């Protein structure tokens, strides 16, 4: 049996886009499945796969919380499964891959290859929207993804390769701590909201609920700062500014 599965968690869509690019390339030569952790079938099992790819977004130099929780709640795989772990990040990934590798290996998901891909910065776009570099992907991204996949597929030895600790990441520690403990209030511009409920439905941690007049109500304490709600609002009715609404988001 030589079947590959891609499992990912994506906030605004960067990690999903990479996963789909991988899927398109792999299916030309391999049998491959692809799932978001939020849409994984109840009967899913690693047993029918020979290799695994895990993708996640980095938020303030750590793996996104939903992916960490997903890995920690998994049952231990019956066999050692060769795994390619990748992350998407805006400015700096820190030790995010190393953190997830350590969680995965406990479940017999053996990281034999890892990579990080620089993508549009989800928070940079919202906080400093006029800086164009926040919107770009790294040069040659598609070619690098294909090269990484080829190298991953050619590895035959199931031996863990956890990235070394980036000691210089300590320089980013003050910024990381400020980012982790700062929760911006997300404002709803009621004149734009059409009460579609997309922000309520798609929030990965249930930070939204329906309030009076069916308008969404935001719980700041539950927010993990993925800003999926803001970037995916079709009406640009959500923003980090009480006075100004968005003119442009990551996906529009």
Protein backbone atom coordinates (compact mmCIF):
# COMPACT_ATOMS: atom_id res chain seq x y z
CA UNK A 1 0.00 0.00 0.00
CA UNK A 2 1.48 3.33 -1.10
CA UNK A 3 -1.01 6.03 -0.28
CA UNK A 4 -0.35 9.54 1.06
CA UNK A 5 -2.61 11.75 3.16
CA UNK A 6 -2.36 15.52 3.65
CA UNK A 7 -3.89 16.89 6.86
CA UNK A 8 -3.83 20.60 7.56
CA UNK A 9 -5.15 23.41 9.71
CA UNK A 10 -5.49 26.75 7.95
CA UNK A 11 -6.51 30.06 9.48
CA UNK A 12 -7.19 32.46 6.62
CA UNK A 13 -6.19 30.15 3.78
CA UNK A 14 -2.40 30.18 3.30
CA UNK A 15 -1.84 26.68 4.68
CA UNK A 16 -4.82 25.39 2.72
CA UNK A 17 -3.44 26.86 -0.50
CA UNK A 18 -0.10 25.09 0.07
CA UNK A 19 -1.87 21.82 0.89
CA UNK A 20 -3.92 22.02 -2.30
CA UNK A 21 -0.81 22.78 -4.34
CA UNK A 22 0.83 19.69 -2.83
CA UNK A 23 -2.25 17.61 -3.58
CA UNK A 24 -2.31 18.63 -7.24
CA UNK A 25 1.37 17.75 -7.66
CA UNK A 26 1.23 14.46 -5.78
CA UNK A 27 -1.88 13.09 -7.49
CA UNK A 28 -0.05 13.08 -10.83
CA UNK A 29 2.00 10.10 -9.63
CA UNK A 30 0.53 8.94 -6.32
CA UNK A 31 -2.69 7.98 -4.59
CA UNK A 32 -3.40 10.86 -2.21
CA UNK A 33 -6.14 12.17 0.08
CA UNK A 34 -6.45 15.65 1.59
CA UNK A 35 -8.36 16.79 4.68
CA UNK A 36 -8.67 19.83 6.91
CA UNK A 37 -8.64 18.83 10.59
CA UNK A 38 -12.04 20.50 10.81
CA UNK A 39 -13.50 18.22 8.13
CA UNK A 40 -11.79 14.93 8.94
CA UNK A 41 -14.21 11.97 8.61
CA UNK A 42 -15.20 10.28 11.87
CA UNK A 43 -13.96 6.93 10.55
CA UNK A 44 -10.54 8.30 9.55
CA UNK A 45 -7.55 6.06 10.27
CA UNK A 46 -3.84 6.43 9.57
CA UNK A 47 -3.57 2.67 9.03
CA UNK A 48 -4.30 2.79 5.30
CA UNK A 49 -1.57 5.33 4.55
CA UNK A 50 2.14 4.90 3.97
CA UNK A 51 3.09 8.58 4.34
CA UNK A 52 1.63 11.66 5.99
CA UNK A 53 1.91 15.41 5.39
CA UNK A 54 0.90 17.81 8.19
CA UNK A 55 0.48 21.52 7.52
CA UNK A 56 -0.28 24.28 10.00
CA UNK A 57 -0.09 28.04 10.38
CA UNK A 58 2.34 29.73 12.75
CA UNK A 59 0.85 32.28 15.12
CA UNK A 60 3.35 34.30 17.15
CA UNK A 61 6.16 31.77 16.63
CA UNK A 62 4.07 28.79 17.77
CA UNK A 63 1.88 26.22 16.00
CA UNK A 64 -1.74 27.32 15.76
CA UNK A 65 -3.66 26.04 18.78
CA UNK A 66 -6.21 23.93 16.84
CA UNK A 67 -3.40 21.87 15.27
CA UNK A 68 -1.64 21.41 18.61
CA UNK A 69 -4.88 20.23 20.19
CA UNK A 70 -5.58 17.92 17.26
CA UNK A 71 -2.21 16.17 17.52
CA UNK A 72 -2.39 15.85 21.30
CA UNK A 73 -5.84 14.25 21.12
CA UNK A 74 -4.85 11.64 18.53
CA UNK A 75 -4.50 8.00 19.45
CA UNK A 76 -1.00 6.64 18.99
CA UNK A 77 -0.56 5.29 15.47
CA UNK A 78 -0.12 1.51 15.29
CA UNK A 79 2.90 1.95 13.06
CA UNK A 80 5.58 4.56 12.63
CA UNK A 81 4.29 6.82 9.89
CA UNK A 82 6.86 8.84 7.88
CA UNK A 83 5.71 12.44 8.12
CA UNK A 84 6.45 15.72 6.33
CA UNK A 85 5.61 18.67 8.59
CA UNK A 86 5.36 22.15 7.16
CA UNK A 87 4.23 25.54 8.40
CA UNK A 88 3.18 28.82 6.82
CA UNK A 89 4.25 32.08 8.41
CA UNK A 90 4.21 35.81 7.74
CA UNK A 91 7.50 37.09 9.11
CA UNK A 92 9.10 34.50 11.37
CA UNK A 93 8.28 30.89 12.28
CA UNK A 94 10.57 30.62 15.30
CA UNK A 95 10.59 27.08 16.70
CA UNK A 96 7.02 26.30 15.62
CA UNK A 97 8.00 23.29 13.50
CA UNK A 98 10.19 21.88 16.27
CA UNK A 99 7.31 22.21 18.76
CA UNK A 100 4.89 20.32 16.51
CA UNK A 101 7.47 17.65 15.64
CA UNK A 102 7.85 16.84 19.33
CA UNK A 103 4.09 16.48 19.70
CA UNK A 104 3.80 14.33 16.57
CA UNK A 105 6.56 11.87 17.37
CA UNK A 106 4.83 10.88 20.60
CA UNK A 107 1.95 9.66 18.41
CA UNK A 108 4.28 7.62 16.15
CA UNK A 109 4.07 10.29 13.44
CA UNK A 110 7.76 10.44 12.62
CA UNK A 111 8.96 13.76 11.13
CA UNK A 112 11.44 12.76 8.43
CA UNK A 113 11.18 16.07 6.53
CA UNK A 114 10.19 19.62 7.49
CA UNK A 115 9.83 22.97 5.75
CA UNK A 116 8.45 26.47 6.24
CA UNK A 117 6.84 28.73 3.62
CA UNK A 118 6.60 32.50 3.87
CA UNK A 119 3.12 33.73 2.96
CA UNK A 120 1.03 36.90 3.35
CA UNK A 121 1.12 38.12 6.96
CA UNK A 122 -2.39 37.86 8.36
CA UNK A 123 -1.87 40.31 11.22
CA UNK A 124 0.50 42.63 9.34
CA UNK A 125 -2.14 43.25 6.69
CA UNK A 126 -4.65 44.30 9.33
CA UNK A 127 -2.34 46.42 11.46
CA UNK A 128 -0.27 48.08 8.72
CA UNK A 129 -2.25 47.54 5.50
CA UNK A 130 -0.20 49.94 3.37
CA UNK A 131 2.98 47.83 3.58
CA UNK A 132 2.90 45.82 0.35
CA UNK A 133 5.34 43.13 1.46
CA UNK A 134 2.72 41.72 3.84
CA UNK A 135 0.65 40.57 0.87
CA UNK A 136 3.31 38.57 -0.97
CA UNK A 137 4.39 34.94 -1.12
CA UNK A 138 8.07 34.06 -1.18
CA UNK A 139 9.65 33.88 -4.63
CA UNK A 140 9.74 30.49 -6.33
CA UNK A 141 7.30 29.02 -3.80
CA UNK A 142 5.65 26.51 -6.12
CA UNK A 143 8.98 25.13 -7.32
CA UNK A 144 10.25 24.80 -3.74
CA UNK A 145 7.12 22.94 -2.71
CA UNK A 146 7.64 20.44 -5.53
CA UNK A 147 11.31 20.04 -4.63
CA UNK A 148 10.40 19.42 -0.96
CA UNK A 149 7.82 16.81 -1.95
CA UNK A 150 10.28 15.01 -4.20
CA UNK A 151 12.86 14.87 -1.41
CA UNK A 152 10.25 13.66 1.07
CA UNK A 153 9.08 10.87 -1.23
CA UNK A 154 12.64 9.72 -1.85
CA UNK A 155 13.44 9.23 1.84
CA UNK A 156 13.21 5.54 2.67
CA UNK A 157 14.52 5.48 6.24
CA UNK A 158 11.94 6.22 8.93
CA UNK A 159 14.22 8.24 11.18
CA UNK A 160 13.06 11.41 12.93
CA UNK A 161 14.70 14.67 11.92
CA UNK A 162 13.50 17.27 14.39
CA UNK A 163 14.88 20.75 13.61
CA UNK A 164 17.47 22.06 16.01
CA UNK A 165 16.42 24.66 18.53
CA UNK A 166 16.83 28.16 17.15
CA UNK A 167 18.61 29.82 20.03
CA UNK A 168 18.50 33.21 18.32
CA UNK A 169 14.71 33.07 18.61
CA UNK A 170 15.20 34.43 22.12
CA UNK A 171 15.71 37.82 20.45
CA UNK A 172 12.11 37.59 19.29
CA UNK A 173 10.88 36.68 22.77
CA UNK A 174 9.61 40.17 23.78
CA UNK A 175 7.67 40.49 20.53
CA UNK A 176 6.32 36.96 20.91
CA UNK A 177 5.09 37.57 24.44
CA UNK A 178 3.44 40.86 23.52
CA UNK A 179 1.76 39.17 20.55
CA UNK A 180 0.56 36.18 22.59
CA UNK A 181 -0.93 38.27 25.37
CA UNK A 182 -2.40 41.05 23.27
CA UNK A 183 -5.93 40.37 22.09
CA UNK A 184 -7.28 43.08 19.85
CA UNK A 185 -10.98 43.65 19.94
CA UNK A 186 -12.64 42.83 16.64
CA UNK A 187 -15.24 45.43 15.73
CA UNK A 188 -18.43 44.77 13.84
CA UNK A 189 -19.59 47.49 11.46
CA UNK A 190 -23.31 46.87 11.57
CA UNK A 191 -24.02 48.99 8.49
CA UNK A 192 -22.11 46.42 6.41
CA UNK A 193 -23.08 43.18 8.16
CA UNK A 194 -25.65 41.04 6.30
CA UNK A 195 -26.07 38.58 9.22
CA UNK A 196 -24.87 35.64 7.13
CA UNK A 197 -23.30 33.94 10.15
CA UNK A 198 -20.07 33.06 8.33
CA UNK A 199 -17.89 34.39 11.16
CA UNK A 200 -19.85 32.32 13.69
CA UNK A 201 -19.71 29.16 11.58
CA UNK A 202 -16.06 29.37 10.58
CA UNK A 203 -14.39 30.49 13.82
CA UNK A 204 -12.22 27.53 14.90
CA UNK A 205 -12.59 28.26 18.62
CA UNK A 206 -16.20 29.45 18.84
CA UNK A 207 -15.37 33.05 19.65
CA UNK A 208 -18.59 34.27 18.01
CA UNK A 209 -22.24 33.79 18.91
CA UNK A 210 -25.50 35.26 17.65
CA UNK A 211 -26.65 38.26 19.62
CA UNK A 212 -29.56 40.64 19.36
CA UNK A 213 -31.04 41.12 15.89
CA UNK A 214 -28.99 38.08 14.76
CA UNK A 215 -25.80 40.15 14.74
CA UNK A 216 -22.59 38.29 15.69
CA UNK A 217 -21.12 38.96 19.15
CA UNK A 218 -17.36 38.55 19.62
CA UNK A 219 -15.68 37.06 22.74
CA UNK A 220 -12.16 38.52 22.91
CA UNK A 221 -10.94 35.99 25.50
CA UNK A 222 -11.54 33.01 23.19
CA UNK A 223 -9.76 34.56 20.19
CA UNK A 224 -6.54 32.86 19.00
CA UNK A 225 -5.69 35.74 16.64
CA UNK A 226 -5.99 33.78 13.40
CA UNK A 227 -8.26 36.55 12.03
CA UNK A 228 -10.04 34.13 9.73
CA UNK A 229 -13.27 35.98 10.46
CA UNK A 230 -11.94 39.32 9.26
CA UNK A 231 -10.24 38.05 6.12
CA UNK A 232 -13.19 35.89 5.09
CA UNK A 233 -16.00 38.38 5.67
CA UNK A 234 -17.49 38.97 2.22
CA UNK A 235 -18.81 42.38 3.24
CA UNK A 236 -15.64 43.61 5.02
CA UNK A 237 -17.84 44.18 8.06
CA UNK A 238 -15.17 43.21 10.62
CA UNK A 239 -11.98 45.07 11.45
CA UNK A 240 -9.52 45.90 14.21
CA UNK A 241 -10.50 49.57 14.00
CA UNK A 242 -13.65 50.99 15.51
CA UNK A 243 -13.61 53.93 13.11
CA UNK A 244 -12.38 52.45 9.84
CA UNK A 245 -13.59 49.47 7.87
CA UNK A 246 -11.30 47.39 5.70
CA UNK A 247 -10.71 48.17 2.05
CA UNK A 248 -8.69 45.07 1.33
CA UNK A 249 -8.10 41.70 3.00
CA UNK A 250 -5.87 38.72 2.36
CA UNK A 251 -8.32 36.90 0.10
CA UNK A 252 -10.11 39.79 -1.61
